[in-house]
Amino acid sequence: MKRFFLLPAACMSFCMGVNAQDVAPATGEQQQAMLKNIAALSGKMKSLTCDFEQVKEIAMLSEKMASKGKMYYRHDNRVRWEYVSPYAYTLIMNNHKILLQSGGNKNVIDGKSSQLFQGIISIMTSSINGAGLTDSKNFKADLYWGEKRREVVLTPLQKEVKQTFSHIKLTISIKDYSVDKVEMKEPGGDVTIIQLLNKRFNEEIADSKFSID
């Protein structure tokens, strides 16, 4: 189950050494500005629809696995992560329920049943709305400031999640403070990089997109 879940979970999102030429640890004033702007976006973002491009780098292999798809997010704790290329695969989170669907096969999981699944839910939503910056129970957040972008490095604090992801780096747009890129590194060295493209905010998204039953 863990391996089955890792690829879509890594959606969201390292070669984690921060490039000092591009960004540097944020000062207290810069941290306040980042938190204020991210919170402002989160407060007015009712939904997000976008395309994504994902690259999975496996430490033991030289080749990379690339995939594409669409993501739908609604502020009432609903996320649809839909791969369309090179294969069809869908992950839906509806509050604490999780649906994994591939072809005609469906698997519904109660996210409350596992600290790992709760952590993955938190990672996915945090990667979209920035909630992880203030979630001190589940994440340690380090903020970085650059002229062309901002970065946030989230380090999981819960044991099961730490065994799956060592850290998550969010690249933040200086234009609107939304997430442009998510990078996730696993303890074994595998890295998943996801670019969020063609972002559209506050469009109407039908309930059917998040249907699990």
Protein backbone atom coordinates (compact mmCIF):
# COMPACT_ATOMS: atom_id res chain seq x y z
CA MET A 1 0.00 0.00 0.00
CA LYS A 2 2.81 2.41 0.84
CA ARG A 3 4.44 2.08 -2.59
CA PHE A 4 1.05 2.29 -4.30
CA PHE A 5 0.39 5.58 -2.52
CA LEU A 6 3.77 7.24 -2.77
CA LEU A 7 3.63 8.53 -6.35
CA PRO A 8 0.36 10.49 -6.05
CA ALA A 9 1.24 11.47 -2.51
CA ALA A 10 4.46 12.90 -3.81
CA CYS A 11 2.23 15.11 -5.64
CA MET A 12 2.35 17.78 -3.96
CA SER A 13 5.90 18.62 -3.52
CA PHE A 14 15.01 17.48 -2.76
CA CYS A 15 17.95 18.37 -3.91
CA MET A 16 17.22 20.35 -0.79
CA GLY A 17 20.41 22.25 -0.56
CA VAL A 18 19.16 25.81 -0.93
CA ASN A 19 21.10 27.78 -3.53
CA ALA A 20 22.54 30.71 -1.62
CA GLN A 21 22.90 32.72 -4.82
CA ASP A 22 19.13 32.65 -5.37
CA VAL A 23 17.62 32.66 -1.88
CA ALA A 24 18.78 33.20 1.68
CA PRO A 25 17.17 32.61 5.08
CA ALA A 26 14.43 35.18 5.50
CA THR A 27 14.92 37.91 8.08
CA GLY A 28 12.27 38.45 10.75
CA GLU A 29 10.69 41.21 8.68
CA GLN A 30 10.77 39.11 5.52
CA GLN A 31 9.20 36.16 7.35
CA GLN A 32 6.35 38.35 8.53
CA ALA A 33 5.81 39.62 4.98
CA MET A 34 5.78 36.07 3.57
CA LEU A 35 3.36 34.78 6.20
CA LYS A 36 1.08 37.78 5.69
CA ASN A 37 0.95 37.41 1.90
CA ILE A 38 0.50 33.63 1.95
CA ALA A 39 -2.26 33.93 4.55
CA ALA A 40 -3.96 36.62 2.46
CA LEU A 41 -3.99 34.36 -0.61
CA SER A 42 -5.21 31.39 1.41
CA GLY A 43 -8.01 33.47 2.91
CA LYS A 44 -9.44 34.46 -0.46
CA MET A 45 -8.71 31.23 -2.36
CA LYS A 46 -11.92 29.20 -2.46
CA SER A 47 -10.70 26.89 -5.20
CA LEU A 48 -7.73 26.20 -7.45
CA THR A 49 -7.64 24.37 -10.78
CA CYS A 50 -4.36 23.77 -12.59
CA ASP A 51 -2.31 21.45 -14.77
CA PHE A 52 0.78 19.77 -13.37
CA GLU A 53 3.94 18.16 -14.63
CA GLN A 54 5.66 15.66 -12.34
CA VAL A 55 9.13 14.15 -12.49
CA LYS A 56 10.15 11.28 -10.22
CA GLU A 57 13.90 10.85 -9.74
CA ILE A 58 14.87 7.47 -8.28
CA ALA A 59 18.22 7.46 -6.49
CA MET A 60 19.24 4.00 -7.71
CA LEU A 61 18.30 4.64 -11.35
CA SER A 62 19.58 7.13 -13.91
CA GLU A 63 16.26 7.52 -15.71
CA LYS A 64 13.42 9.76 -14.60
CA MET A 65 9.69 9.05 -14.65
CA ALA A 66 7.61 11.91 -16.04
CA SER A 67 3.84 12.31 -15.87
CA LYS A 68 1.19 14.97 -16.40
CA GLY A 69 -2.28 15.67 -15.13
CA LYS A 70 -4.80 18.05 -13.60
CA MET A 71 -5.39 19.11 -10.03
CA TYR A 72 -8.58 20.46 -8.44
CA TYR A 73 -8.69 21.94 -4.95
CA ARG A 74 -11.55 23.31 -2.88
CA HIS A 75 -11.10 25.02 0.45
CA ASP A 76 -13.53 22.61 2.16
CA ASN A 77 -10.74 19.99 2.34
CA ARG A 78 -11.30 18.47 -1.08
CA VAL A 79 -8.54 17.64 -3.56
CA ARG A 80 -8.56 15.72 -6.84
CA TRP A 81 -5.18 14.73 -8.25
CA GLU A 82 -5.70 13.22 -11.71
CA TYR A 83 -2.91 11.74 -13.81
CA VAL A 84 -3.65 11.67 -17.54
CA SER A 85 -0.26 10.79 -19.04
CA PRO A 86 1.44 8.36 -19.48
CA TYR A 87 -1.29 6.49 -17.57
CA ALA A 88 -4.66 7.26 -16.00
CA TYR A 89 -4.69 7.35 -12.21
CA THR A 90 -6.78 9.39 -9.78
CA LEU A 91 -6.44 10.28 -6.12
CA ILE A 92 -9.34 12.06 -4.41
CA MET A 93 -9.35 13.44 -0.89
CA ASN A 94 -12.74 14.39 0.51
CA ASN A 95 -12.22 15.54 4.09
CA HIS A 96 -10.69 12.44 5.75
CA LYS A 97 -11.67 9.93 3.08
CA ILE A 98 -9.21 9.01 0.33
CA LEU A 99 -10.01 7.30 -2.97
CA LEU A 100 -7.31 5.68 -5.10
CA GLN A 101 -8.55 4.73 -8.55
CA SER A 102 -6.77 3.09 -11.46
CA GLY A 103 -8.85 1.75 -14.32
CA GLY A 104 -11.77 -0.11 -12.80
CA ASN A 105 -9.99 -0.67 -9.49
CA LYS A 106 -10.96 1.50 -6.52
CA ASN A 107 -9.60 1.62 -3.00
CA VAL A 108 -11.19 3.83 -0.32
CA ILE A 109 -9.15 4.63 2.79
CA ASP A 110 -10.15 6.32 6.02
CA GLY A 111 -7.46 8.95 6.52
CA LYS A 112 -8.17 9.03 10.24
CA SER A 113 -6.99 5.42 10.56
CA SER A 114 -3.32 6.25 10.12
CA GLN A 115 -0.97 9.02 11.17
CA LEU A 116 0.77 8.56 7.82
CA PHE A 117 -2.38 9.20 5.82
CA GLN A 118 -3.23 12.18 8.03
CA GLY A 119 0.26 13.51 7.39
CA ILE A 120 -0.05 13.03 3.63
CA ILE A 121 -3.39 14.84 3.65
CA SER A 122 -1.74 17.66 5.55
CA ILE A 123 1.17 17.78 3.10
CA MET A 124 -1.10 17.95 0.07
CA THR A 125 -3.33 20.69 1.43
CA SER A 126 -0.37 22.61 2.86
CA SER A 127 1.28 22.53 -0.56
CA ILE A 128 -1.77 24.29 -1.97
CA ASN A 129 -2.91 26.72 0.71
CA GLY A 130 0.24 27.22 2.79
CA ALA A 131 -1.34 25.90 5.99
CA GLY A 132 1.84 24.04 6.91
CA LEU A 133 3.57 27.30 7.74
CA THR A 134 1.52 27.62 10.90
CA ASP A 135 1.06 23.90 11.61
CA SER A 136 3.81 23.61 14.22
CA LYS A 137 2.46 20.25 15.43
CA ASN A 138 3.16 18.52 12.11
CA PHE A 139 5.87 20.62 10.45
CA LYS A 140 8.98 22.65 11.11
CA ALA A 141 8.92 25.50 8.57
CA ASP A 142 12.03 27.33 7.34
CA LEU A 143 11.47 30.40 5.12
CA TYR A 144 13.82 31.70 2.42
CA TRP A 145 13.78 34.98 0.49
CA GLY A 146 15.00 35.77 -3.00
CA GLU A 147 14.48 38.48 -5.58
CA LYS A 148 12.78 36.13 -8.05
CA ARG A 149 11.01 33.74 -5.70
CA ARG A 150 10.34 32.74 -2.12
CA GLU A 151 10.87 29.25 -0.72
CA VAL A 152 9.50 27.31 2.22
CA VAL A 153 11.06 24.08 3.48
CA LEU A 154 8.67 21.95 5.53
CA THR A 155 10.19 19.20 7.68
CA PRO A 156 7.64 16.63 8.93
CA LEU A 157 7.63 16.07 12.69
CA GLN A 158 5.35 13.04 12.95
CA LYS A 159 7.24 9.71 13.02
CA GLU A 160 5.36 7.86 10.25
CA VAL A 161 5.48 10.84 7.89
CA LYS A 162 9.21 11.37 8.55
CA GLN A 163 9.79 7.78 7.45
CA THR A 164 8.12 8.58 4.11
CA PHE A 165 9.24 12.16 3.40
CA SER A 166 12.35 13.79 4.83
CA HIS A 167 11.27 17.26 3.70
CA ILE A 168 9.12 19.22 1.27
CA LYS A 169 10.21 22.40 -0.49
CA LEU A 170 7.63 24.85 -1.82
CA THR A 171 8.63 27.46 -4.39
CA ILE A 172 6.39 30.49 -3.98
CA SER A 173 5.53 32.98 -6.74
CA ILE A 174 6.40 36.59 -5.90
CA LYS A 175 3.54 37.65 -8.17
CA ASP A 176 0.63 36.27 -6.12
CA TYR A 177 2.28 34.11 -3.42
CA SER A 178 0.78 30.89 -4.76
CA VAL A 179 2.87 27.70 -5.00
CA ASP A 180 4.64 27.23 -8.34
CA LYS A 181 6.61 24.09 -7.54
CA VAL A 182 6.61 21.34 -4.92
CA GLU A 183 9.67 19.16 -4.33
CA MET A 184 9.55 16.14 -2.02
CA LYS A 185 12.54 14.13 -0.90
CA GLU A 186 12.24 10.67 0.59
CA PRO A 187 14.70 9.34 3.18
CA GLY A 188 16.21 6.96 0.61
CA GLY A 189 17.08 9.83 -1.71
CA ASP A 190 14.23 9.60 -4.24
CA VAL A 191 12.89 13.01 -5.27
CA THR A 192 9.53 14.03 -6.74
CA ILE A 193 9.26 17.45 -8.40
CA ILE A 194 5.88 18.88 -9.37
CA GLN A 195 5.31 22.06 -11.38
CA LEU A 196 1.86 23.67 -11.07
CA LEU A 197 0.88 25.30 -14.37
CA ASN A 198 -2.00 27.37 -15.76
CA LYS A 199 -3.39 28.10 -12.30
CA ARG A 200 -6.97 29.34 -12.15
CA PHE A 201 -8.41 30.59 -8.88
CA ASN A 202 -11.96 30.55 -7.56
CA GLU A 203 -13.62 28.80 -10.47
CA GLU A 204 -16.71 26.73 -9.71
CA ILE A 205 -15.81 23.05 -9.23
CA ALA A 206 -18.64 20.52 -9.19
CA ASP A 207 -19.07 18.20 -6.21
CA SER A 208 -18.83 15.27 -8.62
CA LYS A 209 -15.09 15.94 -9.07
CA PHE A 210 -14.60 14.88 -5.46
CA SER A 211 -17.09 12.02 -5.31
CA ILE A 212 -15.81 8.94 -3.48
CA ASP A 213 -18.92 6.81 -2.86
